[in-house]
Amino acid sequence: MQAHRRHDISDRIWENIQAHLPGSKGLVGCPANDNRLFINAVFWILGTGAPWRDLPPDYGDWKNTHRRFCRWRDRGVWEHLLEVVIVEPDFEW
């Protein structure tokens, strides 16, 4: 993974949200090894305004990424993460 991309989340934000993500260690189900890559992929889409089909391949398959984005949206994961980061906003990011 290329951590130097402009739209990637900072280590500080990652530390704040990782325990609140689906598939986190200690929660029911399998741990998701790629949560950070997935979030970076979503932020790449949001930051560039590009269509899902233009997602760079090193972020993963665009169809699976879009499908997972929609599942998280439907389950309210994005709203929950916003509540987590709004407590300690990263104005630099």
C-alpha atoms as a PDB file:
ATOM      1  CA  MET A   1       0.000   0.000   0.000  1.00  0.00           C
ATOM      2  CA  GLN A   2       1.222   3.485  -0.816  1.00  0.00           C
ATOM      3  CA  ALA A   3       0.789   5.493   2.377  1.00  0.00           C
ATOM      4  CA  HIS A   4       1.911   8.721   0.733  1.00  0.00           C
ATOM      5  CA  ARG A   5      -1.285   9.324  -1.229  1.00  0.00           C
ATOM      6  CA  ARG A   6      -3.041  12.588  -0.572  1.00  0.00           C
ATOM      7  CA  HIS A   7      -6.446  11.038   0.239  1.00  0.00           C
ATOM      8  CA  ASP A   8      -5.178   8.330   2.618  1.00  0.00           C
ATOM      9  CA  ILE A   9      -6.172   8.651   6.254  1.00  0.00           C
ATOM     10  CA  SER A  10      -3.539   9.680   8.778  1.00  0.00           C
ATOM     11  CA  ASP A  11      -2.141   7.313  11.399  1.00  0.00           C
ATOM     12  CA  ARG A  12      -3.827   9.429  14.067  1.00  0.00           C
ATOM     13  CA  ILE A  13      -7.288   9.058  12.512  1.00  0.00           C
ATOM     14  CA  TRP A  14      -6.657   5.354  11.940  1.00  0.00           C
ATOM     15  CA  GLU A  15      -5.841   4.876  15.627  1.00  0.00           C
ATOM     16  CA  ASN A  16      -9.104   6.629  16.564  1.00  0.00           C
ATOM     17  CA  ILE A  17     -11.394   4.601  14.314  1.00  0.00           C
ATOM     18  CA  GLN A  18      -9.900   1.127  13.913  1.00  0.00           C
ATOM     19  CA  ALA A  19     -11.549  -0.327  17.022  1.00  0.00           C
ATOM     20  CA  HIS A  20     -14.961   0.875  15.765  1.00  0.00           C
ATOM     21  CA  LEU A  21     -14.802  -0.860  12.375  1.00  0.00           C
ATOM     22  CA  PRO A  22     -16.669  -3.989  11.351  1.00  0.00           C
ATOM     23  CA  GLY A  23     -14.299  -6.940  11.334  1.00  0.00           C
ATOM     24  CA  SER A  24     -12.146  -5.511  14.121  1.00  0.00           C
ATOM     25  CA  LYS A  25     -10.360  -7.883  16.454  1.00  0.00           C
ATOM     26  CA  GLY A  26     -12.586  -8.874  19.367  1.00  0.00           C
ATOM     27  CA  LEU A  27     -15.845  -8.455  17.463  1.00  0.00           C
ATOM     28  CA  VAL A  28     -17.999 -11.262  16.136  1.00  0.00           C
ATOM     29  CA  GLY A  29     -16.834 -12.562  12.750  1.00  0.00           C
ATOM     30  CA  CYS A  30     -13.500 -12.685  10.977  1.00  0.00           C
ATOM     31  CA  PRO A  31     -11.035  -9.833  11.426  1.00  0.00           C
ATOM     32  CA  ALA A  32     -10.801  -7.712   8.281  1.00  0.00           C
ATOM     33  CA  ASN A  33      -7.152  -7.233   7.356  1.00  0.00           C
ATOM     34  CA  ASP A  34      -7.871  -4.579   4.762  1.00  0.00           C
ATOM     35  CA  ASN A  35     -10.093  -2.063   6.565  1.00  0.00           C
ATOM     36  CA  ARG A  36      -7.550   0.732   6.208  1.00  0.00           C
ATOM     37  CA  LEU A  37      -7.006   0.026   2.516  1.00  0.00           C
ATOM     38  CA  PHE A  38     -10.774  -0.031   2.009  1.00  0.00           C
ATOM     39  CA  ILE A  39     -11.268   3.304   3.782  1.00  0.00           C
ATOM     40  CA  ASN A  40      -8.428   4.822   1.767  1.00  0.00           C
ATOM     41  CA  ALA A  41     -10.111   3.565  -1.412  1.00  0.00           C
ATOM     42  CA  VAL A  42     -13.410   5.187  -0.425  1.00  0.00           C
ATOM     43  CA  PHE A  43     -11.656   8.446   0.415  1.00  0.00           C
ATOM     44  CA  TRP A  44      -9.862   8.319  -2.937  1.00  0.00           C
ATOM     45  CA  ILE A  45     -13.252   8.108  -4.657  1.00  0.00           C
ATOM     46  CA  LEU A  46     -14.721  10.888  -2.508  1.00  0.00           C
ATOM     47  CA  GLY A  47     -11.646  13.091  -2.838  1.00  0.00           C
ATOM     48  CA  THR A  48     -11.268  12.777  -6.584  1.00  0.00           C
ATOM     49  CA  GLY A  49     -14.913  12.595  -7.599  1.00  0.00           C
ATOM     50  CA  ALA A  50     -14.003   9.741  -9.928  1.00  0.00           C
ATOM     51  CA  PRO A  51     -16.480   6.980 -10.744  1.00  0.00           C
ATOM     52  CA  TRP A  52     -16.049   3.685  -8.908  1.00  0.00           C
ATOM     53  CA  ARG A  53     -14.798   2.000 -12.086  1.00  0.00           C
ATOM     54  CA  ASP A  54     -11.766   4.320 -12.079  1.00  0.00           C
ATOM     55  CA  LEU A  55     -10.559   3.187  -8.658  1.00  0.00           C
ATOM     56  CA  PRO A  56      -6.838   2.374  -9.000  1.00  0.00           C
ATOM     57  CA  PRO A  57      -6.317  -1.414  -8.879  1.00  0.00           C
ATOM     58  CA  ASP A  58      -3.906  -1.250  -5.939  1.00  0.00           C
ATOM     59  CA  TYR A  59      -6.904  -0.275  -3.778  1.00  0.00           C
ATOM     60  CA  GLY A  60      -8.671  -3.483  -4.750  1.00  0.00           C
ATOM     61  CA  ASP A  61     -11.474  -4.450  -7.072  1.00  0.00           C
ATOM     62  CA  TRP A  62     -13.848  -1.536  -7.597  1.00  0.00           C
ATOM     63  CA  LYS A  63     -16.980  -3.718  -7.542  1.00  0.00           C
ATOM     64  CA  ASN A  64     -16.131  -5.281  -4.182  1.00  0.00           C
ATOM     65  CA  THR A  65     -15.137  -1.897  -2.773  1.00  0.00           C
ATOM     66  CA  HIS A  66     -18.405  -0.328  -3.912  1.00  0.00           C
ATOM     67  CA  ARG A  67     -20.438  -3.248  -2.583  1.00  0.00           C
ATOM     68  CA  ARG A  68     -18.726  -2.993   0.809  1.00  0.00           C
ATOM     69  CA  PHE A  69     -19.210   0.787   0.850  1.00  0.00           C
ATOM     70  CA  CYS A  70     -22.946   0.255   0.334  1.00  0.00           C
ATOM     71  CA  ARG A  71     -23.125  -2.400   3.061  1.00  0.00           C
ATOM     72  CA  TRP A  72     -21.412  -0.051   5.519  1.00  0.00           C
ATOM     73  CA  ARG A  73     -23.765   2.757   4.451  1.00  0.00           C
ATOM     74  CA  ASP A  74     -26.830   0.579   4.997  1.00  0.00           C
ATOM     75  CA  ARG A  75     -25.585  -0.541   8.436  1.00  0.00           C
ATOM     76  CA  GLY A  76     -24.815   3.023   9.573  1.00  0.00           C
ATOM     77  CA  VAL A  77     -21.075   2.420   9.881  1.00  0.00           C
ATOM     78  CA  TRP A  78     -20.136   5.686   8.164  1.00  0.00           C
ATOM     79  CA  GLU A  79     -22.349   7.738  10.498  1.00  0.00           C
ATOM     80  CA  HIS A  80     -20.843   6.015  13.515  1.00  0.00           C
ATOM     81  CA  LEU A  81     -17.299   6.710  12.295  1.00  0.00           C
ATOM     82  CA  LEU A  82     -18.182  10.353  11.769  1.00  0.00           C
ATOM     83  CA  GLU A  83     -19.351  10.540  15.376  1.00  0.00           C
ATOM     84  CA  VAL A  84     -16.043   8.996  16.486  1.00  0.00           C
ATOM     85  CA  VAL A  85     -13.829  11.440  14.585  1.00  0.00           C
ATOM     86  CA  ILE A  86     -15.956  14.506  15.242  1.00  0.00           C
ATOM     87  CA  VAL A  87     -14.979  14.279  18.912  1.00  0.00           C
ATOM     88  CA  GLU A  88     -11.337  14.833  17.908  1.00  0.00           C
ATOM     89  CA  PRO A  89     -11.305  16.436  14.449  1.00  0.00           C
ATOM     90  CA  ASP A  90      -8.065  16.444  12.470  1.00  0.00           C
ATOM     91  CA  PHE A  91      -8.134  19.928  10.966  1.00  0.00           C
ATOM     92  CA  GLU A  92      -4.851  19.377   9.160  1.00  0.00           C
ATOM     93  CA  TRP A  93      -6.309  16.427   7.258  1.00  0.00           C
END
